[in-house]
Amino acid sequence: MMIVELIDGEDFRQRLVALGVHVPEQACPETAARLAAGCHRADGVEGLESAVREWLTKTDIMLPSVRAAIEAHLIPALNAAG
């Protein structure tokens, strides 16, 4: 049996932090995505676009709250910038 790790709020937050976005430890996916979108609009976040593309290929193992946050905040921020 293969065990697959779900992309949960903490995984999402850690990945954003690795990209240089300051996200508080207890932030929910919605807050994390809003913070990342704001950073991207202000200064750009290198690697954010490729991270979002990667996440969107893994929606089958992503918690719905993470997917909703990406769709509500990060996709519009990337579309506005590009």
N, C-alpha and C. Protein backbone atom coordinates (compact mmCIF):
# COMPACT_ATOMS: atom_id res chain seq x y z
N MET A 1 0.84 -1.17 0.00
CA MET A 1 0.00 0.00 0.00
C MET A 1 0.89 1.24 0.00
N MET A 2 0.54 2.19 -0.83
CA MET A 2 1.30 3.43 -0.91
C MET A 2 0.63 4.49 -0.03
N ILE A 3 1.44 5.14 0.79
CA ILE A 3 0.91 6.20 1.64
C ILE A 3 1.30 7.53 1.02
N VAL A 4 0.29 8.39 0.83
CA VAL A 4 0.51 9.69 0.20
C VAL A 4 0.28 10.77 1.25
N GLU A 5 1.22 11.70 1.34
CA GLU A 5 1.07 12.83 2.25
C GLU A 5 0.14 13.85 1.63
N LEU A 6 -0.81 14.30 2.39
CA LEU A 6 -1.68 15.37 1.93
C LEU A 6 -0.97 16.71 2.04
N ILE A 7 -1.26 17.59 1.12
CA ILE A 7 -0.77 18.96 1.22
C ILE A 7 -1.75 19.68 2.13
N ASP A 8 -1.32 19.90 3.38
CA ASP A 8 -2.19 20.56 4.34
C ASP A 8 -1.74 22.00 4.56
N GLY A 9 -2.39 22.66 5.48
CA GLY A 9 -2.09 24.07 5.74
C GLY A 9 -0.66 24.30 6.17
N GLU A 10 -0.11 23.40 6.97
CA GLU A 10 1.27 23.57 7.44
C GLU A 10 2.27 23.37 6.30
N ASP A 11 2.04 22.39 5.45
CA ASP A 11 2.92 22.20 4.28
C ASP A 11 2.90 23.45 3.40
N PHE A 12 1.71 23.97 3.17
CA PHE A 12 1.52 25.16 2.36
C PHE A 12 2.25 26.35 2.98
N ARG A 13 2.07 26.55 4.27
CA ARG A 13 2.74 27.65 4.98
C ARG A 13 4.26 27.52 4.90
N GLN A 14 4.77 26.32 5.13
CA GLN A 14 6.22 26.10 5.09
C GLN A 14 6.79 26.39 3.71
N ARG A 15 6.07 26.00 2.67
CA ARG A 15 6.55 26.26 1.32
C ARG A 15 6.58 27.76 1.03
N LEU A 16 5.58 28.48 1.49
CA LEU A 16 5.57 29.94 1.30
C LEU A 16 6.71 30.60 2.07
N VAL A 17 6.96 30.13 3.28
CA VAL A 17 8.07 30.65 4.08
C VAL A 17 9.40 30.38 3.36
N ALA A 18 9.54 29.21 2.77
CA ALA A 18 10.76 28.87 2.02
C ALA A 18 10.96 29.80 0.82
N LEU A 19 9.86 30.34 0.31
CA LEU A 19 9.94 31.29 -0.80
C LEU A 19 10.22 32.72 -0.33
N GLY A 20 10.28 32.91 0.98
CA GLY A 20 10.61 34.22 1.53
C GLY A 20 9.42 35.03 2.04
N VAL A 21 8.26 34.42 2.10
CA VAL A 21 7.07 35.11 2.60
C VAL A 21 6.97 34.89 4.11
N HIS A 22 6.81 35.97 4.87
CA HIS A 22 6.65 35.83 6.32
C HIS A 22 5.20 35.43 6.59
N VAL A 23 5.03 34.22 7.10
CA VAL A 23 3.70 33.70 7.44
C VAL A 23 3.77 33.19 8.87
N PRO A 24 2.95 33.76 9.77
CA PRO A 24 2.97 33.29 11.17
C PRO A 24 2.67 31.80 11.27
N GLU A 25 3.22 31.17 12.30
CA GLU A 25 3.10 29.72 12.46
C GLU A 25 1.68 29.20 12.49
N GLN A 26 0.77 29.89 13.10
CA GLN A 26 -0.60 29.39 13.22
C GLN A 26 -1.54 29.91 12.14
N ALA A 27 -0.98 30.49 11.09
CA ALA A 27 -1.81 31.05 10.03
C ALA A 27 -2.57 29.95 9.27
N CYS A 28 -3.82 30.22 8.99
CA CYS A 28 -4.62 29.29 8.18
C CYS A 28 -4.23 29.46 6.71
N PRO A 29 -4.60 28.53 5.85
CA PRO A 29 -4.26 28.65 4.43
C PRO A 29 -4.73 29.96 3.80
N GLU A 30 -5.91 30.41 4.18
CA GLU A 30 -6.46 31.67 3.65
C GLU A 30 -5.53 32.84 3.98
N THR A 31 -5.12 32.93 5.23
CA THR A 31 -4.22 34.01 5.65
C THR A 31 -2.86 33.89 4.97
N ALA A 32 -2.34 32.69 4.90
CA ALA A 32 -1.05 32.47 4.26
C ALA A 32 -1.09 32.90 2.79
N ALA A 33 -2.15 32.53 2.10
CA ALA A 33 -2.28 32.90 0.69
C ALA A 33 -2.45 34.40 0.53
N ARG A 34 -3.23 35.04 1.40
CA ARG A 34 -3.39 36.49 1.34
C ARG A 34 -2.06 37.20 1.55
N LEU A 35 -1.28 36.75 2.52
CA LEU A 35 0.03 37.35 2.77
C LEU A 35 0.96 37.17 1.58
N ALA A 36 0.97 35.98 1.02
CA ALA A 36 1.83 35.72 -0.15
C ALA A 36 1.40 36.55 -1.34
N ALA A 37 0.09 36.68 -1.56
CA ALA A 37 -0.41 37.49 -2.67
C ALA A 37 -0.02 38.95 -2.49
N GLY A 38 -0.14 39.46 -1.27
CA GLY A 38 0.26 40.83 -0.99
C GLY A 38 1.74 41.06 -1.22
N CYS A 39 2.56 40.13 -0.78
CA CYS A 39 4.01 40.23 -1.02
C CYS A 39 4.32 40.21 -2.51
N HIS A 40 3.61 39.35 -3.22
CA HIS A 40 3.85 39.24 -4.65
C HIS A 40 3.46 40.53 -5.38
N ARG A 41 2.34 41.11 -4.99
CA ARG A 41 1.92 42.37 -5.61
C ARG A 41 2.89 43.50 -5.31
N ALA A 42 3.43 43.51 -4.09
CA ALA A 42 4.33 44.59 -3.66
C ALA A 42 5.73 44.47 -4.26
N ASP A 43 6.32 43.30 -4.13
CA ASP A 43 7.73 43.14 -4.50
C ASP A 43 8.00 41.97 -5.43
N GLY A 44 7.01 41.14 -5.65
CA GLY A 44 7.24 39.89 -6.38
C GLY A 44 7.81 38.85 -5.43
N VAL A 45 7.44 37.62 -5.63
CA VAL A 45 7.98 36.51 -4.83
C VAL A 45 8.56 35.52 -5.82
N GLU A 46 9.87 35.47 -5.86
CA GLU A 46 10.54 34.57 -6.80
C GLU A 46 10.17 33.13 -6.49
N GLY A 47 9.73 32.41 -7.49
CA GLY A 47 9.37 31.01 -7.35
C GLY A 47 7.90 30.77 -7.05
N LEU A 48 7.14 31.83 -6.78
CA LEU A 48 5.73 31.64 -6.43
C LEU A 48 4.94 31.08 -7.60
N GLU A 49 5.16 31.59 -8.78
CA GLU A 49 4.40 31.11 -9.93
C GLU A 49 4.65 29.62 -10.18
N SER A 50 5.89 29.20 -10.12
CA SER A 50 6.17 27.78 -10.36
C SER A 50 5.62 26.92 -9.22
N ALA A 51 5.64 27.43 -7.99
CA ALA A 51 5.07 26.68 -6.86
C ALA A 51 3.56 26.50 -7.05
N VAL A 52 2.88 27.55 -7.48
CA VAL A 52 1.44 27.46 -7.70
C VAL A 52 1.15 26.46 -8.82
N ARG A 53 1.93 26.52 -9.90
CA ARG A 53 1.73 25.54 -10.99
C ARG A 53 1.90 24.12 -10.48
N GLU A 54 2.93 23.91 -9.66
CA GLU A 54 3.17 22.57 -9.09
C GLU A 54 2.00 22.14 -8.21
N TRP A 55 1.56 23.04 -7.33
CA TRP A 55 0.45 22.69 -6.43
C TRP A 55 -0.80 22.34 -7.22
N LEU A 56 -1.05 23.03 -8.31
CA LEU A 56 -2.26 22.78 -9.08
C LEU A 56 -2.23 21.42 -9.78
N THR A 57 -1.06 20.82 -9.90
CA THR A 57 -0.98 19.46 -10.45
C THR A 57 -1.24 18.42 -9.38
N LYS A 58 -1.34 18.86 -8.12
CA LYS A 58 -1.50 17.94 -6.99
C LYS A 58 -2.79 18.17 -6.22
N THR A 59 -3.80 18.67 -6.89
CA THR A 59 -5.05 18.98 -6.18
C THR A 59 -5.73 17.73 -5.62
N ASP A 60 -5.40 16.58 -6.16
CA ASP A 60 -5.99 15.34 -5.65
C ASP A 60 -5.47 14.97 -4.26
N ILE A 61 -4.32 15.51 -3.86
CA ILE A 61 -3.77 15.24 -2.53
C ILE A 61 -3.71 16.51 -1.68
N MET A 62 -4.47 17.51 -2.06
CA MET A 62 -4.48 18.80 -1.38
C MET A 62 -5.78 18.98 -0.59
N LEU A 63 -5.64 19.47 0.62
CA LEU A 63 -6.84 19.76 1.40
C LEU A 63 -7.66 20.85 0.69
N PRO A 64 -8.96 20.75 0.74
CA PRO A 64 -9.81 21.75 0.06
C PRO A 64 -9.55 23.19 0.52
N SER A 65 -9.20 23.38 1.78
CA SER A 65 -8.94 24.74 2.27
C SER A 65 -7.70 25.35 1.61
N VAL A 66 -6.71 24.52 1.33
CA VAL A 66 -5.50 25.01 0.65
C VAL A 66 -5.83 25.34 -0.80
N ARG A 67 -6.54 24.46 -1.45
CA ARG A 67 -6.92 24.71 -2.85
C ARG A 67 -7.76 25.99 -2.97
N ALA A 68 -8.71 26.17 -2.08
CA ALA A 68 -9.56 27.36 -2.12
C ALA A 68 -8.73 28.63 -1.90
N ALA A 69 -7.76 28.57 -1.01
CA ALA A 69 -6.91 29.73 -0.75
C ALA A 69 -6.05 30.08 -1.97
N ILE A 70 -5.51 29.06 -2.61
CA ILE A 70 -4.72 29.28 -3.83
C ILE A 70 -5.58 29.91 -4.91
N GLU A 71 -6.76 29.34 -5.11
CA GLU A 71 -7.65 29.84 -6.15
C GLU A 71 -8.16 31.25 -5.86
N ALA A 72 -8.41 31.56 -4.60
CA ALA A 72 -8.97 32.86 -4.24
C ALA A 72 -7.94 33.98 -4.21
N HIS A 73 -6.69 33.66 -3.87
CA HIS A 73 -5.71 34.72 -3.65
C HIS A 73 -4.48 34.67 -4.55
N LEU A 74 -3.89 33.48 -4.69
CA LEU A 74 -2.63 33.42 -5.43
C LEU A 74 -2.82 33.47 -6.95
N ILE A 75 -3.79 32.76 -7.46
CA ILE A 75 -4.01 32.78 -8.91
C ILE A 75 -4.37 34.20 -9.37
N PRO A 76 -5.29 34.90 -8.70
CA PRO A 76 -5.57 36.27 -9.13
C PRO A 76 -4.35 37.20 -9.03
N ALA A 77 -3.52 37.03 -7.99
CA ALA A 77 -2.32 37.87 -7.83
C ALA A 77 -1.33 37.61 -8.96
N LEU A 78 -1.18 36.35 -9.33
CA LEU A 78 -0.27 36.01 -10.42
C LEU A 78 -0.81 36.50 -11.76
N ASN A 79 -2.10 36.38 -11.97
CA ASN A 79 -2.71 36.85 -13.22
C ASN A 79 -2.60 38.36 -13.36
N ALA A 80 -2.74 39.08 -12.25
CA ALA A 80 -2.65 40.54 -12.28
C ALA A 80 -1.23 41.00 -12.58
N ALA A 81 -0.26 40.21 -12.14
CA ALA A 81 1.14 40.58 -12.34
C ALA A 81 1.64 40.20 -13.72
N GLY A 82 1.00 39.25 -14.34
CA GLY A 82 1.58 38.73 -15.56
C GLY A 82 0.85 39.01 -16.78
